[in-house]
Every structure is written in C-alpha cells, then in structure tokens.
Amino acid sequence: MNTRKNNFYVITGGPGVGKTTLIDALKSKGYSTVAEDARSIIKQQILKRGDALPWKNKDLYALLLLNASVKSYHAISNKNDNIYFFDRGIVDTFCYAEMINFKIPTEMLQNAKNP
C-alpha cells in the first residue's frame, strides 16, 4: 500500500524568509493550507506561562512540536481531493531536534516517520 501523498507540499526554510507570507498568498487564491504548529505552541506556552519554548525548554518544545505536526498531518491525511500546502511540517521538527542535539524518543520517531 502506497501512503505517499502527492498532493501535500511542505513549505520549509529558515525564520523570516517568507514561508507564512507565501502560505497566506496561496490561501487567498483558494488553496488549502495548514498553519505552522510552532506559532500556536509558543502562544499557548506564553499564555499558560509554560516553559516548552525554544528559548527555555527546547527538548519539551521539540516534543510538543513533533506531536502537533503529526496531528496536523493526520487531520487531513484522508483528504485526497485538494492540494495542501503546509507551513512547515514534521521534517522541520527533525531538523530542529538535530540542531539542538535532542534525541527524539524511538516511539515518537516511528510514529512521525510512518504517519
């Protein structure tokens, strides 16, 4: 069984390079988009005075980000009718984890690799 999604595109790149601007433009043209999970995690953590933030507890932030990214994927994984553009995605969390030298727990890694 092929689970590859040929209609899912992840817009990735460094901070401030225009990913969200591109996603917003695509959305305004009628394309289906998926918002960046990092922004909502940061907002939630600030509101509840949590420390799962990229400038505080980076490891916990990475775990929350991976969980959110996998959930975002699952939320639309059965929808095959539209093209979807993701503002970042699971791969970005893998890159972030590597950057901060965080070892993603095996079970979470398998879940993310085989959504």
C-alpha atoms as a PDB file:
ATOM      1  CA  MET A   1       0.000   0.000   0.000  1.00  0.00           C
ATOM      2  CA  ASN A   2       1.401   3.380  -1.018  1.00  0.00           C
ATOM      3  CA  THR A   3       0.817   6.054   1.645  1.00  0.00           C
ATOM      4  CA  ARG A   4       2.708   8.736  -0.230  1.00  0.00           C
ATOM      5  CA  LYS A   5       0.716  11.954  -0.562  1.00  0.00           C
ATOM      6  CA  ASN A   6       1.324  13.544  -3.942  1.00  0.00           C
ATOM      7  CA  ASN A   7      -0.978  16.434  -3.091  1.00  0.00           C
ATOM      8  CA  PHE A   8       0.819  17.541   0.124  1.00  0.00           C
ATOM      9  CA  TYR A   9       3.561  20.160  -0.103  1.00  0.00           C
ATOM     10  CA  VAL A  10       5.659  21.406   2.805  1.00  0.00           C
ATOM     11  CA  ILE A  11       6.998  24.943   2.624  1.00  0.00           C
ATOM     12  CA  THR A  12      10.178  24.935   4.698  1.00  0.00           C
ATOM     13  CA  GLY A  13      13.092  27.235   5.382  1.00  0.00           C
ATOM     14  CA  GLY A  14      14.696  29.467   7.955  1.00  0.00           C
ATOM     15  CA  PRO A  15      12.926  32.084  10.058  1.00  0.00           C
ATOM     16  CA  GLY A  16      11.816  35.234   8.278  1.00  0.00           C
ATOM     17  CA  VAL A  17      12.241  34.029   4.691  1.00  0.00           C
ATOM     18  CA  GLY A  18       8.572  34.397   3.738  1.00  0.00           C
ATOM     19  CA  LYS A  19       7.030  30.958   4.306  1.00  0.00           C
ATOM     20  CA  THR A  20       3.934  32.283   6.061  1.00  0.00           C
ATOM     21  CA  THR A  21       3.585  35.098   3.538  1.00  0.00           C
ATOM     22  CA  LEU A  22       3.603  32.509   0.744  1.00  0.00           C
ATOM     23  CA  ILE A  23       1.100  30.302   2.614  1.00  0.00           C
ATOM     24  CA  ASP A  24      -1.200  33.303   3.151  1.00  0.00           C
ATOM     25  CA  ALA A  25      -0.998  34.175  -0.567  1.00  0.00           C
ATOM     26  CA  LEU A  26      -1.816  30.597  -1.547  1.00  0.00           C
ATOM     27  CA  LYS A  27      -4.755  30.589   0.863  1.00  0.00           C
ATOM     28  CA  SER A  28      -6.046  33.852  -0.614  1.00  0.00           C
ATOM     29  CA  LYS A  29      -6.012  32.171  -4.039  1.00  0.00           C
ATOM     30  CA  GLY A  30      -8.234  29.373  -2.715  1.00  0.00           C
ATOM     31  CA  TYR A  31      -5.646  26.699  -1.959  1.00  0.00           C
ATOM     32  CA  SER A  32      -5.943  24.574   1.165  1.00  0.00           C
ATOM     33  CA  THR A  33      -3.254  25.386   3.712  1.00  0.00           C
ATOM     34  CA  VAL A  34      -2.091  24.095   7.084  1.00  0.00           C
ATOM     35  CA  ALA A  35      -0.776  26.661   9.563  1.00  0.00           C
ATOM     36  CA  GLU A  36       2.599  26.374  11.260  1.00  0.00           C
ATOM     37  CA  ASP A  37       2.255  24.498  14.556  1.00  0.00           C
ATOM     38  CA  ALA A  38       5.194  26.259  16.216  1.00  0.00           C
ATOM     39  CA  ARG A  39       3.377  29.581  16.420  1.00  0.00           C
ATOM     40  CA  SER A  40       0.386  28.128  18.255  1.00  0.00           C
ATOM     41  CA  ILE A  41       2.620  26.178  20.664  1.00  0.00           C
ATOM     42  CA  ILE A  42       4.567  29.316  21.518  1.00  0.00           C
ATOM     43  CA  LYS A  43       1.364  31.316  22.039  1.00  0.00           C
ATOM     44  CA  GLN A  44      -0.129  28.584  24.268  1.00  0.00           C
ATOM     45  CA  GLN A  45       3.035  28.253  26.323  1.00  0.00           C
ATOM     46  CA  ILE A  46       3.291  32.010  26.855  1.00  0.00           C
ATOM     47  CA  LEU A  47      -0.377  32.246  27.859  1.00  0.00           C
ATOM     48  CA  LYS A  48      -0.071  29.482  30.425  1.00  0.00           C
ATOM     49  CA  ARG A  49       3.439  30.546  31.482  1.00  0.00           C
ATOM     50  CA  GLY A  50       4.845  27.208  30.372  1.00  0.00           C
ATOM     51  CA  ASP A  51       8.482  26.598  29.614  1.00  0.00           C
ATOM     52  CA  ALA A  52       8.133  24.460  26.449  1.00  0.00           C
ATOM     53  CA  LEU A  53       9.596  27.278  24.401  1.00  0.00           C
ATOM     54  CA  PRO A  54      12.548  27.354  22.009  1.00  0.00           C
ATOM     55  CA  TRP A  55      14.364  29.781  24.322  1.00  0.00           C
ATOM     56  CA  LYS A  56      13.626  27.817  27.527  1.00  0.00           C
ATOM     57  CA  ASN A  57      12.966  24.053  27.492  1.00  0.00           C
ATOM     58  CA  LYS A  58      13.976  23.228  23.920  1.00  0.00           C
ATOM     59  CA  ASP A  59      13.552  19.466  24.361  1.00  0.00           C
ATOM     60  CA  LEU A  60       9.964  19.740  25.592  1.00  0.00           C
ATOM     61  CA  TYR A  61       9.224  22.279  22.860  1.00  0.00           C
ATOM     62  CA  ALA A  62      10.561  19.804  20.251  1.00  0.00           C
ATOM     63  CA  LEU A  63       8.319  17.033  21.631  1.00  0.00           C
ATOM     64  CA  LEU A  64       5.235  19.264  21.548  1.00  0.00           C
ATOM     65  CA  LEU A  65       6.121  20.405  18.041  1.00  0.00           C
ATOM     66  CA  LEU A  66       6.542  16.864  16.761  1.00  0.00           C
ATOM     67  CA  ASN A  67       3.229  15.773  18.283  1.00  0.00           C
ATOM     68  CA  ALA A  68       1.456  18.793  16.798  1.00  0.00           C
ATOM     69  CA  SER A  69       2.998  18.259  13.355  1.00  0.00           C
ATOM     70  CA  VAL A  70       1.943  14.608  13.277  1.00  0.00           C
ATOM     71  CA  LYS A  71      -1.583  15.577  14.419  1.00  0.00           C
ATOM     72  CA  SER A  72      -1.800  18.230  11.692  1.00  0.00           C
ATOM     73  CA  TYR A  73      -0.839  15.638   9.112  1.00  0.00           C
ATOM     74  CA  HIS A  74      -3.355  13.095  10.427  1.00  0.00           C
ATOM     75  CA  ALA A  75      -6.114  15.705  10.491  1.00  0.00           C
ATOM     76  CA  ILE A  76      -6.084  15.876   6.701  1.00  0.00           C
ATOM     77  CA  SER A  77      -4.349  12.652   5.660  1.00  0.00           C
ATOM     78  CA  ASN A  78      -7.564  11.083   4.329  1.00  0.00           C
ATOM     79  CA  LYS A  79      -8.465  14.096   2.247  1.00  0.00           C
ATOM     80  CA  ASN A  80      -7.237  13.342  -1.240  1.00  0.00           C
ATOM     81  CA  ASP A  81      -9.292  15.852  -3.178  1.00  0.00           C
ATOM     82  CA  ASN A  82      -7.232  19.037  -2.746  1.00  0.00           C
ATOM     83  CA  ILE A  83      -3.655  20.190  -2.871  1.00  0.00           C
ATOM     84  CA  TYR A  84      -2.469  21.091   0.642  1.00  0.00           C
ATOM     85  CA  PHE A  85       0.373  23.433   1.481  1.00  0.00           C
ATOM     86  CA  PHE A  86       1.917  23.087   4.941  1.00  0.00           C
ATOM     87  CA  ASP A  87       3.645  25.991   6.661  1.00  0.00           C
ATOM     88  CA  ARG A  88       6.500  23.785   7.890  1.00  0.00           C
ATOM     89  CA  GLY A  89       5.984  20.178   8.910  1.00  0.00           C
ATOM     90  CA  ILE A  90       7.348  17.021  10.500  1.00  0.00           C
ATOM     91  CA  VAL A  91      10.678  17.318   8.686  1.00  0.00           C
ATOM     92  CA  ASP A  92      11.245  20.745  10.266  1.00  0.00           C
ATOM     93  CA  THR A  93      10.919  19.202  13.723  1.00  0.00           C
ATOM     94  CA  PHE A  94      13.528  16.576  12.835  1.00  0.00           C
ATOM     95  CA  CYS A  95      15.874  19.352  11.728  1.00  0.00           C
ATOM     96  CA  TYR A  96      15.209  21.374  14.891  1.00  0.00           C
ATOM     97  CA  ALA A  97      15.841  18.318  17.095  1.00  0.00           C
ATOM     98  CA  GLU A  98      19.145  17.685  15.346  1.00  0.00           C
ATOM     99  CA  MET A  99      20.114  21.335  15.664  1.00  0.00           C
ATOM    100  CA  ILE A 100      19.602  21.285  19.454  1.00  0.00           C
ATOM    101  CA  ASN A 101      21.123  17.788  19.821  1.00  0.00           C
ATOM    102  CA  PHE A 102      17.846  16.311  21.025  1.00  0.00           C
ATOM    103  CA  LYS A 103      17.249  12.602  20.530  1.00  0.00           C
ATOM    104  CA  ILE A 104      13.609  12.067  19.648  1.00  0.00           C
ATOM    105  CA  PRO A 105      12.227   9.044  21.535  1.00  0.00           C
ATOM    106  CA  THR A 106      12.082   5.957  19.291  1.00  0.00           C
ATOM    107  CA  GLU A 107       8.303   5.519  19.529  1.00  0.00           C
ATOM    108  CA  MET A 108       7.666   9.138  18.540  1.00  0.00           C
ATOM    109  CA  LEU A 109      10.208   8.897  15.746  1.00  0.00           C
ATOM    110  CA  GLN A 110       8.488   5.813  14.313  1.00  0.00           C
ATOM    111  CA  ASN A 111       5.074   7.489  14.604  1.00  0.00           C
ATOM    112  CA  ALA A 112       6.365  10.527  12.734  1.00  0.00           C
ATOM    113  CA  LYS A 113       8.093   8.504  10.020  1.00  0.00           C
ATOM    114  CA  ASN A 114       5.029   6.338   9.406  1.00  0.00           C
ATOM    115  CA  PRO A 115       2.051   8.641   9.841  1.00  0.00           C
END
